[in-house]
C-alpha atoms as a PDB file:
ATOM      1  CA  UNK A   1     127.227 118.662  10.710  1.00  0.00           C
ATOM      2  CA  UNK A   2     131.003 118.928  10.717  1.00  0.00           C
ATOM      3  CA  UNK A   3     133.367 121.199   8.930  1.00  0.00           C
ATOM      4  CA  UNK A   4     136.673 122.776   9.815  1.00  0.00           C
ATOM      5  CA  UNK A   5     135.074 125.703  11.606  1.00  0.00           C
ATOM      6  CA  UNK A   6     132.246 124.276  13.708  1.00  0.00           C
ATOM      7  CA  UNK A   7     130.309 121.225  14.885  1.00  0.00           C
ATOM      8  CA  UNK A   8     126.556 121.252  15.496  1.00  0.00           C
ATOM      9  CA  UNK A   9     125.155 119.164  18.366  1.00  0.00           C
ATOM     10  CA  UNK A  10     121.708 117.593  18.273  1.00  0.00           C
ATOM     11  CA  UNK A  11     119.365 119.158  20.853  1.00  0.00           C
ATOM     12  CA  UNK A  12     116.148 118.514  18.919  1.00  0.00           C
ATOM     13  CA  UNK A  13     115.004 115.566  21.041  1.00  0.00           C
ATOM     14  CA  UNK A  14     115.161 117.452  24.341  1.00  0.00           C
ATOM     15  CA  UNK A  15     111.866 118.319  26.016  1.00  0.00           C
ATOM     16  CA  UNK A  16     110.997 121.984  26.444  1.00  0.00           C
ATOM     17  CA  UNK A  17     111.811 121.683  30.167  1.00  0.00           C
ATOM     18  CA  UNK A  18     115.207 120.120  29.389  1.00  0.00           C
ATOM     19  CA  UNK A  19     115.935 122.889  26.877  1.00  0.00           C
ATOM     20  CA  UNK A  20     115.133 125.555  29.466  1.00  0.00           C
ATOM     21  CA  UNK A  21     117.280 123.728  32.013  1.00  0.00           C
ATOM     22  CA  UNK A  22     120.142 123.471  29.505  1.00  0.00           C
ATOM     23  CA  UNK A  23     119.941 127.208  28.766  1.00  0.00           C
ATOM     24  CA  UNK A  24     119.981 128.019  32.497  1.00  0.00           C
ATOM     25  CA  UNK A  25     122.945 125.677  33.064  1.00  0.00           C
ATOM     26  CA  UNK A  26     124.819 127.305  30.185  1.00  0.00           C
ATOM     27  CA  UNK A  27     124.007 130.779  31.497  1.00  0.00           C
ATOM     28  CA  UNK A  28     125.649 129.904  34.819  1.00  0.00           C
ATOM     29  CA  UNK A  29     128.953 129.069  33.115  1.00  0.00           C
ATOM     30  CA  UNK A  30     128.795 131.583  30.254  1.00  0.00           C
ATOM     31  CA  UNK A  31     131.170 134.448  29.686  1.00  0.00           C
ATOM     32  CA  UNK A  32     128.674 136.378  27.532  1.00  0.00           C
ATOM     33  CA  UNK A  33     125.034 136.299  26.521  1.00  0.00           C
ATOM     34  CA  UNK A  34     122.819 138.589  24.508  1.00  0.00           C
ATOM     35  CA  UNK A  35     119.524 138.777  22.680  1.00  0.00           C
ATOM     36  CA  UNK A  36     118.849 140.156  19.214  1.00  0.00           C
ATOM     37  CA  UNK A  37     115.678 140.701  17.259  1.00  0.00           C
ATOM     38  CA  UNK A  38     115.153 140.601  13.534  1.00  0.00           C
ATOM     39  CA  UNK A  39     112.129 142.447  12.190  1.00  0.00           C
ATOM     40  CA  UNK A  40     112.413 142.379   8.406  1.00  0.00           C
ATOM     41  CA  UNK A  41     109.495 144.802   8.080  1.00  0.00           C
ATOM     42  CA  UNK A  42     111.764 147.444   9.653  1.00  0.00           C
ATOM     43  CA  UNK A  43     115.312 146.314   8.811  1.00  0.00           C
ATOM     44  CA  UNK A  44     117.288 143.368   7.478  1.00  0.00           C
ATOM     45  CA  UNK A  45     119.816 143.802  10.282  1.00  0.00           C
ATOM     46  CA  UNK A  46     119.573 142.230  13.706  1.00  0.00           C
ATOM     47  CA  UNK A  47     119.032 144.683  16.530  1.00  0.00           C
ATOM     48  CA  UNK A  48     120.104 144.381  20.151  1.00  0.00           C
ATOM     49  CA  UNK A  49     117.180 143.595  22.460  1.00  0.00           C
ATOM     50  CA  UNK A  50     117.287 144.449  26.162  1.00  0.00           C
ATOM     51  CA  UNK A  51     115.490 141.882  28.317  1.00  0.00           C
ATOM     52  CA  UNK A  52     116.016 139.608  31.270  1.00  0.00           C
ATOM     53  CA  UNK A  53     117.149 136.038  30.797  1.00  0.00           C
ATOM     54  CA  UNK A  54     113.827 134.731  32.127  1.00  0.00           C
ATOM     55  CA  UNK A  55     111.945 136.947  29.664  1.00  0.00           C
ATOM     56  CA  UNK A  56     113.772 135.508  26.658  1.00  0.00           C
ATOM     57  CA  UNK A  57     113.291 131.979  28.028  1.00  0.00           C
ATOM     58  CA  UNK A  58     109.538 132.628  28.102  1.00  0.00           C
ATOM     59  CA  UNK A  59     109.705 132.921  24.276  1.00  0.00           C
ATOM     60  CA  UNK A  60     111.071 129.367  23.937  1.00  0.00           C
ATOM     61  CA  UNK A  61     108.464 127.087  22.341  1.00  0.00           C
ATOM     62  CA  UNK A  62     108.381 123.499  21.097  1.00  0.00           C
ATOM     63  CA  UNK A  63     109.005 124.708  17.539  1.00  0.00           C
ATOM     64  CA  UNK A  64     111.904 127.036  18.424  1.00  0.00           C
ATOM     65  CA  UNK A  65     115.111 126.516  16.484  1.00  0.00           C
ATOM     66  CA  UNK A  66     117.655 125.436  19.135  1.00  0.00           C
ATOM     67  CA  UNK A  67     121.384 125.384  18.414  1.00  0.00           C
ATOM     68  CA  UNK A  68     124.426 124.032  20.217  1.00  0.00           C
ATOM     69  CA  UNK A  69     127.546 124.786  18.180  1.00  0.00           C
ATOM     70  CA  UNK A  70     131.210 124.188  18.847  1.00  0.00           C
ATOM     71  CA  UNK A  71     132.833 127.163  17.141  1.00  0.00           C
ATOM     72  CA  UNK A  72     136.262 125.601  16.801  1.00  0.00           C
ATOM     73  CA  UNK A  73     137.655 128.532  14.853  1.00  0.00           C
ATOM     74  CA  UNK A  74     137.128 132.151  15.711  1.00  0.00           C
ATOM     75  CA  UNK A  75     135.141 134.260  13.280  1.00  0.00           C
ATOM     76  CA  UNK A  76     137.276 137.213  14.288  1.00  0.00           C
ATOM     77  CA  UNK A  77     140.791 137.346  15.634  1.00  0.00           C
ATOM     78  CA  UNK A  78     139.447 138.795  18.892  1.00  0.00           C
ATOM     79  CA  UNK A  79     136.975 135.991  19.588  1.00  0.00           C
ATOM     80  CA  UNK A  80     138.147 132.841  21.386  1.00  0.00           C
ATOM     81  CA  UNK A  81     137.046 129.360  20.395  1.00  0.00           C
ATOM     82  CA  UNK A  82     133.797 128.710  22.230  1.00  0.00           C
ATOM     83  CA  UNK A  83     130.437 126.962  22.300  1.00  0.00           C
ATOM     84  CA  UNK A  84     127.419 128.943  21.206  1.00  0.00           C
ATOM     85  CA  UNK A  85     124.090 127.837  22.657  1.00  0.00           C
ATOM     86  CA  UNK A  86     120.851 129.534  21.778  1.00  0.00           C
ATOM     87  CA  UNK A  87     117.521 129.578  20.041  1.00  0.00           C
ATOM     88  CA  UNK A  88     115.356 131.614  17.731  1.00  0.00           C
ATOM     89  CA  UNK A  89     111.602 132.018  17.787  1.00  0.00           C
ATOM     90  CA  UNK A  90     109.337 134.106  15.601  1.00  0.00           C
ATOM     91  CA  UNK A  91     106.582 135.943  17.454  1.00  0.00           C
ATOM     92  CA  UNK A  92     104.301 138.342  15.554  1.00  0.00           C
ATOM     93  CA  UNK A  93     106.749 138.559  12.602  1.00  0.00           C
ATOM     94  CA  UNK A  94     109.713 139.382  14.875  1.00  0.00           C
ATOM     95  CA  UNK A  95     112.477 136.807  15.256  1.00  0.00           C
ATOM     96  CA  UNK A  96     113.921 136.695  18.797  1.00  0.00           C
ATOM     97  CA  UNK A  97     117.423 135.208  19.038  1.00  0.00           C
ATOM     98  CA  UNK A  98     119.264 134.164  22.208  1.00  0.00           C
ATOM     99  CA  UNK A  99     123.051 133.692  22.111  1.00  0.00           C
ATOM    100  CA  UNK A 100     125.013 132.202  25.036  1.00  0.00           C
ATOM    101  CA  UNK A 101     128.792 131.848  24.773  1.00  0.00           C
ATOM    102  CA  UNK A 102     130.610 129.260  26.889  1.00  0.00           C
ATOM    103  CA  UNK A 103     134.315 128.421  27.031  1.00  0.00           C
ATOM    104  CA  UNK A 104     134.987 125.064  25.382  1.00  0.00           C
ATOM    105  CA  UNK A 105     136.655 123.778  28.561  1.00  0.00           C
ATOM    106  CA  UNK A 106     133.435 124.268  30.569  1.00  0.00           C
ATOM    107  CA  UNK A 107     130.992 122.558  28.198  1.00  0.00           C
ATOM    108  CA  UNK A 108     131.674 118.780  28.636  1.00  0.00           C
ATOM    109  CA  UNK A 109     129.375 118.409  31.684  1.00  0.00           C
ATOM    110  CA  UNK A 110     126.536 120.043  29.706  1.00  0.00           C
ATOM    111  CA  UNK A 111     127.067 117.740  26.727  1.00  0.00           C
ATOM    112  CA  UNK A 112     127.035 114.738  29.034  1.00  0.00           C
ATOM    113  CA  UNK A 113     124.070 115.835  31.180  1.00  0.00           C
ATOM    114  CA  UNK A 114     121.819 116.443  28.153  1.00  0.00           C
ATOM    115  CA  UNK A 115     123.310 113.630  26.034  1.00  0.00           C
ATOM    116  CA  UNK A 116     124.173 116.025  23.226  1.00  0.00           C
ATOM    117  CA  UNK A 117     126.001 114.333  20.378  1.00  0.00           C
ATOM    118  CA  UNK A 118     127.600 115.818  17.276  1.00  0.00           C
ATOM    119  CA  UNK A 119     125.375 115.760  14.202  1.00  0.00           C
ATOM    120  CA  UNK A 120     126.998 113.916  11.328  1.00  0.00           C
END
């Protein structure tokens, strides 16, 4: 999907092992990462979740929603253009969300290695 603000890349065909490898590769070159939870039985706002990177990767399943997004325009004036790589997975009514931010200049090897192409 293209628009003026972002481009989604197709990561759906990657195996679970390739997805984990991609997340680890992105972590190595990231400038920020964080995890949120969303438990709508308690709040409709995402909450920060403190965990290790390996812990959040253990939540990744075949049916997880994986995203690779080129955020060509900043959502805020203080945020640089970047790639956002992550996933969400619901476990026991709680949605766990991983966000990894990578400078656009560092992402081409990842796109090539995992054969990630823009979704049209």
